[in-house]
C-alpha cells in the first residue's frame, strides 16, 4: 500500500509514496472520513513528497474535489495541507485546489513543498 496514516492529537497525517492511483486516494479518504475521530480533528496533512506519480486523469481529480465537497457539508471547519515536490503532481493538486474553490468548499487548503512549512501554517 503506497500510503500510511497516522492519527495525531488534532489531525491526521497521510503519507503517500511511489505511484498512487485513484483507488488508493479514495481508500485513504474513505478510511479518514469514516473514522469516528474525523469529527473532532482540526486538520489533515496529505504528504505526497515521496510520490513519483499520481495516476489520476483531470476528470478524476475533479471528481475527488466533488467527493470532498460532499464531506465538507457535514464538517465545515478543516485545514488541509498538501505537500508535493514533483511538478506534475503539483499541477494536479493545483487543479484540485482550483476545483474546490469553484465548488465553494469551506475548508482552508494550501499546497506546500515541505512538512515544516505545512505544520507551521496549520498552527497559525
Protein backbone atom coordinates (compact mmCIF):
# COMPACT_ATOMS: atom_id res chain seq x y z
CA UNK A 1 0.00 0.00 0.00
CA UNK A 2 1.57 3.30 -1.01
CA UNK A 3 0.09 5.30 1.89
CA UNK A 4 0.47 5.41 5.63
CA UNK A 5 -2.00 7.04 8.04
CA UNK A 6 -1.21 8.44 11.49
CA UNK A 7 -3.86 9.93 13.74
CA UNK A 8 -2.44 12.83 15.71
CA UNK A 9 -3.92 14.72 18.68
CA UNK A 10 -5.78 17.23 16.48
CA UNK A 11 -5.44 15.81 12.99
CA UNK A 12 -4.42 13.15 10.54
CA UNK A 13 -1.13 12.72 8.71
CA UNK A 14 -1.33 10.77 5.44
CA UNK A 15 1.96 9.98 3.71
CA UNK A 16 1.97 8.59 0.18
CA UNK A 17 4.83 7.12 -1.84
CA UNK A 18 5.56 5.70 -5.26
CA UNK A 19 2.80 5.55 -7.84
CA UNK A 20 -0.58 6.48 -6.33
CA UNK A 21 -3.83 5.51 -8.04
CA UNK A 22 -7.39 6.79 -7.74
CA UNK A 23 -8.30 3.65 -5.80
CA UNK A 24 -5.65 4.42 -3.18
CA UNK A 25 -6.70 8.08 -2.90
CA UNK A 26 -10.33 7.00 -2.49
CA UNK A 27 -9.41 4.30 0.02
CA UNK A 28 -7.37 6.70 2.16
CA UNK A 29 -10.10 9.36 2.01
CA UNK A 30 -12.81 6.87 2.94
CA UNK A 31 -10.75 5.48 5.84
CA UNK A 32 -10.24 9.00 7.20
CA UNK A 33 -13.78 10.29 6.60
CA UNK A 34 -15.49 7.19 8.01
CA UNK A 35 -13.38 7.06 11.16
CA UNK A 36 -15.31 8.41 14.20
CA UNK A 37 -12.25 10.53 15.14
CA UNK A 38 -12.68 12.57 11.94
CA UNK A 39 -15.49 14.61 13.52
CA UNK A 40 -13.07 16.04 16.12
CA UNK A 41 -9.97 16.84 14.06
CA UNK A 42 -8.82 20.31 13.04
CA UNK A 43 -6.60 19.36 10.09
CA UNK A 44 -5.19 16.77 7.79
CA UNK A 45 -1.83 16.63 6.06
CA UNK A 46 -1.71 14.93 2.66
CA UNK A 47 2.05 14.37 2.22
CA UNK A 48 2.89 13.34 -1.34
CA UNK A 49 6.53 14.43 -1.17
CA UNK A 50 7.62 10.82 -1.89
CA UNK A 51 5.14 10.25 -4.73
CA UNK A 52 6.66 9.62 -8.14
CA UNK A 53 3.35 9.68 -10.00
CA UNK A 54 -0.31 10.29 -9.29
CA UNK A 55 -2.25 8.17 -11.75
CA UNK A 56 -5.37 10.32 -11.94
CA UNK A 57 -6.89 11.91 -15.00
CA UNK A 58 -8.05 15.53 -14.88
CA UNK A 59 -11.63 14.27 -14.59
CA UNK A 60 -10.70 12.02 -11.66
CA UNK A 61 -9.02 14.96 -9.89
CA UNK A 62 -12.26 16.94 -10.28
CA UNK A 63 -14.34 14.00 -9.04
CA UNK A 64 -12.15 13.83 -5.93
CA UNK A 65 -12.90 17.50 -5.27
CA UNK A 66 -16.63 16.85 -5.63
CA UNK A 67 -16.41 13.94 -3.17
CA UNK A 68 -14.64 16.21 -0.69
CA UNK A 69 -17.30 18.87 -1.19
CA UNK A 70 -19.92 16.38 0.00
CA UNK A 71 -17.89 15.64 3.14
CA UNK A 72 -17.39 19.37 3.78
CA UNK A 73 -21.16 19.79 4.03
CA UNK A 74 -21.02 17.68 7.21
CA UNK A 75 -17.72 19.02 8.57
CA UNK A 76 -17.40 22.67 7.72
CA UNK A 77 -14.16 23.51 9.60
CA UNK A 78 -10.96 21.82 8.49
CA UNK A 79 -7.47 22.87 7.44
CA UNK A 80 -5.95 20.76 4.68
CA UNK A 81 -2.22 20.90 3.96
CA UNK A 82 -0.97 19.24 0.78
CA UNK A 83 2.73 18.57 0.28
CA UNK A 84 4.27 17.82 -3.11
CA UNK A 85 7.57 18.32 -4.89
CA UNK A 86 7.08 16.56 -8.24
CA UNK A 87 5.92 19.06 -10.91
CA UNK A 88 3.12 17.01 -12.48
CA UNK A 89 1.71 16.23 -9.05
CA UNK A 90 1.90 19.90 -8.07
CA UNK A 91 -0.12 20.75 -11.18
CA UNK A 92 -2.75 18.14 -10.31
CA UNK A 93 -3.01 19.41 -6.76
CA UNK A 94 -3.32 22.98 -8.05
CA UNK A 95 -6.16 21.78 -10.29
CA UNK A 96 -7.80 20.12 -7.26
CA UNK A 97 -7.47 23.34 -5.22
CA UNK A 98 -8.97 25.41 -8.05
CA UNK A 99 -11.88 22.99 -8.32
CA UNK A 100 -12.51 23.16 -4.55
CA UNK A 101 -12.60 26.96 -4.78
CA UNK A 102 -15.08 26.78 -7.67
CA UNK A 103 -17.22 24.40 -5.61
CA UNK A 104 -17.00 26.82 -2.67
CA UNK A 105 -15.67 24.21 -0.26
CA UNK A 106 -15.32 25.96 3.08
CA UNK A 107 -12.18 24.11 4.17
CA UNK A 108 -8.92 26.08 4.28
CA UNK A 109 -6.47 24.43 1.87
CA UNK A 110 -2.89 25.14 0.92
CA UNK A 111 -0.07 23.50 -1.02
CA UNK A 112 3.48 23.29 0.35
CA UNK A 113 6.80 21.76 -0.66
CA UNK A 114 7.86 20.66 2.82
CA UNK A 115 6.32 19.38 6.03
CA UNK A 116 7.80 22.10 8.25
CA UNK A 117 6.05 24.91 6.39
CA UNK A 118 2.80 22.91 6.29
CA UNK A 119 2.85 22.34 10.05
CA UNK A 120 3.67 26.00 10.66
CA UNK A 121 0.63 27.03 8.57
CA UNK A 122 -1.57 24.54 10.42
CA UNK A 123 -0.60 26.09 13.75
CA UNK A 124 -1.47 29.65 12.63
